[in-house]
Structure formats: C-alpha cells, structure tokens
Amino acid sequence: MKKPIARLVLALMVGVVSHTYANTTDITIKIQKGRFIPSQIEIPADVKVRLVIENLDDTPEEFESFDLNREVLINANSKASFYIGPLSPGRYKFEGEFSPETAQGVVVVK
C-alpha cells in the first residue's frame, strides 16, 4: 500500500475509534451504607453510557437489573464499570442483590 493511502486509511480508522469513544458518557454511582447514591440517574435516549459503580462499603454488593440485563459484582471498597445502551425512553430499575430493601435505583431515559 502506498504511503498516502496508508495514511488515509489510518486517519479514517482513528476517526472511527475517536468518534465511538467521544459519544460515550460516564456516570458514577456510589454504594454507601447499602444504598445507591444517586438512586436515580437520567440519560438521553439512544446514547451509550458507561456506568462506574464505586462501592464505599466494607462488604461486596451486586448491581442487578433485569430491565438492563446486567448483573455485576462490586467488591468491597472497589469499583466496577460496564456499558448500558443505547436505550429507548423509559424507566429501567436496578437494585443491590445483597441489600434489595435499601439499594434500589432507576435509570430514566428521556
């Protein structure tokens, strides 16, 4: 492949990767005293979002959501992250499997 064509291909590939990551939003939810903080987050429809779950407690918790099709263990005093979306408008419930009475939340997609 000639150098100008190789540079064009590389530039296009970098542009595609940059575009993909530029459209991703990070949202942090903390677990503290068996609760999600904040317990409600809002995101726009049709956008891919990375949730960062930070567990500040001394015990593990599991982020669980049938609505979002996610089940992620977050060890004590650590973080975990995963992607959700793009989603259609609506309400998507989640809870902490080990503290379902107190660790409840919702993703509101508008």
C-alpha atoms as a PDB file:
ATOM      1  CA  MET A   1       0.000   0.000   0.000  1.00  0.00           C
ATOM      2  CA  LYS A   2       1.369   3.422  -0.908  1.00  0.00           C
ATOM      3  CA  LYS A   3       2.091   5.834   1.934  1.00  0.00           C
ATOM      4  CA  PRO A   4      -0.648   8.413   1.147  1.00  0.00           C
ATOM      5  CA  ILE A   5      -3.283   5.671   1.009  1.00  0.00           C
ATOM      6  CA  ALA A   6      -1.963   4.065   4.211  1.00  0.00           C
ATOM      7  CA  ARG A   7      -2.127   7.451   5.982  1.00  0.00           C
ATOM      8  CA  LEU A   8      -5.702   7.964   4.782  1.00  0.00           C
ATOM      9  CA  VAL A   9      -6.746   4.513   5.995  1.00  0.00           C
ATOM     10  CA  LEU A  10      -5.066   5.118   9.372  1.00  0.00           C
ATOM     11  CA  ALA A  11      -6.701   8.549   9.699  1.00  0.00           C
ATOM     12  CA  LEU A  12     -10.113   7.059   8.946  1.00  0.00           C
ATOM     13  CA  MET A  13      -9.585   4.249  11.465  1.00  0.00           C
ATOM     14  CA  VAL A  14      -8.516   6.713  14.180  1.00  0.00           C
ATOM     15  CA  GLY A  15     -11.517   8.912  13.366  1.00  0.00           C
ATOM     16  CA  VAL A  16     -13.906   5.979  13.761  1.00  0.00           C
ATOM     17  CA  VAL A  17     -12.394   4.979  17.125  1.00  0.00           C
ATOM     18  CA  SER A  18     -12.383   8.582  18.380  1.00  0.00           C
ATOM     19  CA  HIS A  19     -15.975   9.068  17.262  1.00  0.00           C
ATOM     20  CA  THR A  20     -17.071   5.910  19.074  1.00  0.00           C
ATOM     21  CA  TYR A  21     -15.499   6.929  22.382  1.00  0.00           C
ATOM     22  CA  ALA A  22     -16.478  10.577  22.042  1.00  0.00           C
ATOM     23  CA  ASN A  23     -20.150   9.565  22.081  1.00  0.00           C
ATOM     24  CA  THR A  24     -19.854   7.627  25.348  1.00  0.00           C
ATOM     25  CA  THR A  25     -20.795   9.266  28.642  1.00  0.00           C
ATOM     26  CA  ASP A  26     -19.506   8.157  32.059  1.00  0.00           C
ATOM     27  CA  ILE A  27     -21.836   8.224  35.075  1.00  0.00           C
ATOM     28  CA  THR A  28     -20.676   7.307  38.576  1.00  0.00           C
ATOM     29  CA  ILE A  29     -22.974   5.733  41.145  1.00  0.00           C
ATOM     30  CA  LYS A  30     -21.672   5.138  44.661  1.00  0.00           C
ATOM     31  CA  ILE A  31     -22.724   2.432  47.071  1.00  0.00           C
ATOM     32  CA  GLN A  32     -22.670   3.696  50.635  1.00  0.00           C
ATOM     33  CA  LYS A  33     -24.373   2.203  53.685  1.00  0.00           C
ATOM     34  CA  GLY A  34     -26.224  -0.251  51.458  1.00  0.00           C
ATOM     35  CA  ARG A  35     -27.687   2.448  49.183  1.00  0.00           C
ATOM     36  CA  PHE A  36     -27.038   3.705  45.660  1.00  0.00           C
ATOM     37  CA  ILE A  37     -26.099   7.390  45.500  1.00  0.00           C
ATOM     38  CA  PRO A  38     -27.668   8.822  43.422  1.00  0.00           C
ATOM     39  CA  SER A  39     -30.548   6.383  43.295  1.00  0.00           C
ATOM     40  CA  GLN A  40     -31.898   7.916  40.089  1.00  0.00           C
ATOM     41  CA  ILE A  41     -29.913   8.902  37.030  1.00  0.00           C
ATOM     42  CA  GLU A  42     -31.134  10.418  33.796  1.00  0.00           C
ATOM     43  CA  ILE A  43     -29.610   9.731  30.419  1.00  0.00           C
ATOM     44  CA  PRO A  44     -30.637  10.690  26.908  1.00  0.00           C
ATOM     45  CA  ALA A  45     -32.218   8.095  24.642  1.00  0.00           C
ATOM     46  CA  ASP A  46     -30.047   6.358  22.051  1.00  0.00           C
ATOM     47  CA  VAL A  47     -26.759   7.100  23.840  1.00  0.00           C
ATOM     48  CA  LYS A  48     -24.265   4.519  25.074  1.00  0.00           C
ATOM     49  CA  VAL A  49     -23.332   5.166  28.718  1.00  0.00           C
ATOM     50  CA  ARG A  50     -20.596   3.719  30.888  1.00  0.00           C
ATOM     51  CA  LEU A  51     -21.724   3.225  34.476  1.00  0.00           C
ATOM     52  CA  VAL A  52     -18.969   3.310  37.062  1.00  0.00           C
ATOM     53  CA  ILE A  53     -20.144   1.745  40.322  1.00  0.00           C
ATOM     54  CA  GLU A  54     -17.962   2.647  43.306  1.00  0.00           C
ATOM     55  CA  ASN A  55     -18.545   0.553  46.422  1.00  0.00           C
ATOM     56  CA  LEU A  56     -17.538   2.536  49.512  1.00  0.00           C
ATOM     57  CA  ASP A  57     -18.819  -0.147  51.892  1.00  0.00           C
ATOM     58  CA  ASP A  58     -16.769  -2.840  53.612  1.00  0.00           C
ATOM     59  CA  THR A  59     -18.963  -5.570  52.106  1.00  0.00           C
ATOM     60  CA  PRO A  60     -19.493  -6.558  48.468  1.00  0.00           C
ATOM     61  CA  GLU A  61     -22.648  -5.655  46.571  1.00  0.00           C
ATOM     62  CA  GLU A  62     -24.062  -6.840  43.291  1.00  0.00           C
ATOM     63  CA  PHE A  63     -25.602  -4.397  40.829  1.00  0.00           C
ATOM     64  CA  GLU A  64     -28.528  -6.289  39.368  1.00  0.00           C
ATOM     65  CA  SER A  65     -31.055  -5.207  36.762  1.00  0.00           C
ATOM     66  CA  PHE A  66     -33.381  -7.421  34.782  1.00  0.00           C
ATOM     67  CA  ASP A  67     -34.507  -4.308  32.875  1.00  0.00           C
ATOM     68  CA  LEU A  68     -30.925  -3.523  31.795  1.00  0.00           C
ATOM     69  CA  ASN A  69     -29.868  -7.171  31.520  1.00  0.00           C
ATOM     70  CA  ARG A  70     -26.888  -6.613  33.838  1.00  0.00           C
ATOM     71  CA  GLU A  71     -25.523  -8.397  36.900  1.00  0.00           C
ATOM     72  CA  VAL A  72     -22.163  -7.129  38.160  1.00  0.00           C
ATOM     73  CA  LEU A  73     -20.379  -7.884  41.439  1.00  0.00           C
ATOM     74  CA  ILE A  74     -18.625  -4.919  43.031  1.00  0.00           C
ATOM     75  CA  ASN A  75     -16.194  -5.979  45.718  1.00  0.00           C
ATOM     76  CA  ALA A  76     -15.874  -4.067  48.981  1.00  0.00           C
ATOM     77  CA  ASN A  77     -14.026  -0.754  48.659  1.00  0.00           C
ATOM     78  CA  SER A  78     -13.598  -1.082  44.897  1.00  0.00           C
ATOM     79  CA  LYS A  79     -15.057  -0.056  41.536  1.00  0.00           C
ATOM     80  CA  ALA A  80     -16.556  -1.800  38.546  1.00  0.00           C
ATOM     81  CA  SER A  81     -17.726  -0.377  35.242  1.00  0.00           C
ATOM     82  CA  PHE A  82     -19.880  -1.546  32.369  1.00  0.00           C
ATOM     83  CA  TYR A  83     -21.846  -0.132  29.450  1.00  0.00           C
ATOM     84  CA  ILE A  84     -25.583   0.258  29.030  1.00  0.00           C
ATOM     85  CA  GLY A  85     -27.486   1.459  25.994  1.00  0.00           C
ATOM     86  CA  PRO A  86     -28.264   2.864  23.668  1.00  0.00           C
ATOM     87  CA  LEU A  87     -31.701   2.660  25.299  1.00  0.00           C
ATOM     88  CA  SER A  88     -35.221   3.680  24.321  1.00  0.00           C
ATOM     89  CA  PRO A  89     -37.070   6.201  26.518  1.00  0.00           C
ATOM     90  CA  GLY A  90     -38.407   4.658  29.719  1.00  0.00           C
ATOM     91  CA  ARG A  91     -37.565   3.667  33.287  1.00  0.00           C
ATOM     92  CA  TYR A  92     -35.095   0.869  33.972  1.00  0.00           C
ATOM     93  CA  LYS A  93     -34.931  -0.393  37.573  1.00  0.00           C
ATOM     94  CA  PHE A  94     -31.818  -1.725  39.310  1.00  0.00           C
ATOM     95  CA  GLU A  95     -31.052  -2.968  42.809  1.00  0.00           C
ATOM     96  CA  GLY A  96     -28.334  -4.340  45.024  1.00  0.00           C
ATOM     97  CA  GLU A  97     -28.835  -8.077  45.263  1.00  0.00           C
ATOM     98  CA  PHE A  98     -27.341  -8.224  48.768  1.00  0.00           C
ATOM     99  CA  SER A  99     -29.362  -5.219  50.056  1.00  0.00           C
ATOM    100  CA  PRO A 100     -32.566  -5.224  47.954  1.00  0.00           C
ATOM    101  CA  GLU A 101     -34.598  -3.361  50.605  1.00  0.00           C
ATOM    102  CA  THR A 102     -32.317  -0.307  50.627  1.00  0.00           C
ATOM    103  CA  ALA A 103     -30.171  -0.483  47.492  1.00  0.00           C
ATOM    104  CA  GLN A 104     -32.688   0.438  44.820  1.00  0.00           C
ATOM    105  CA  GLY A 105     -32.454   2.753  41.863  1.00  0.00           C
ATOM    106  CA  VAL A 106     -33.683   3.654  38.429  1.00  0.00           C
ATOM    107  CA  VAL A 107     -32.240   4.830  35.130  1.00  0.00           C
ATOM    108  CA  VAL A 108     -34.606   7.309  33.487  1.00  0.00           C
ATOM    109  CA  VAL A 109     -34.092   7.557  29.746  1.00  0.00           C
ATOM    110  CA  LYS A 110     -35.548  10.610  28.004  1.00  0.00           C
END
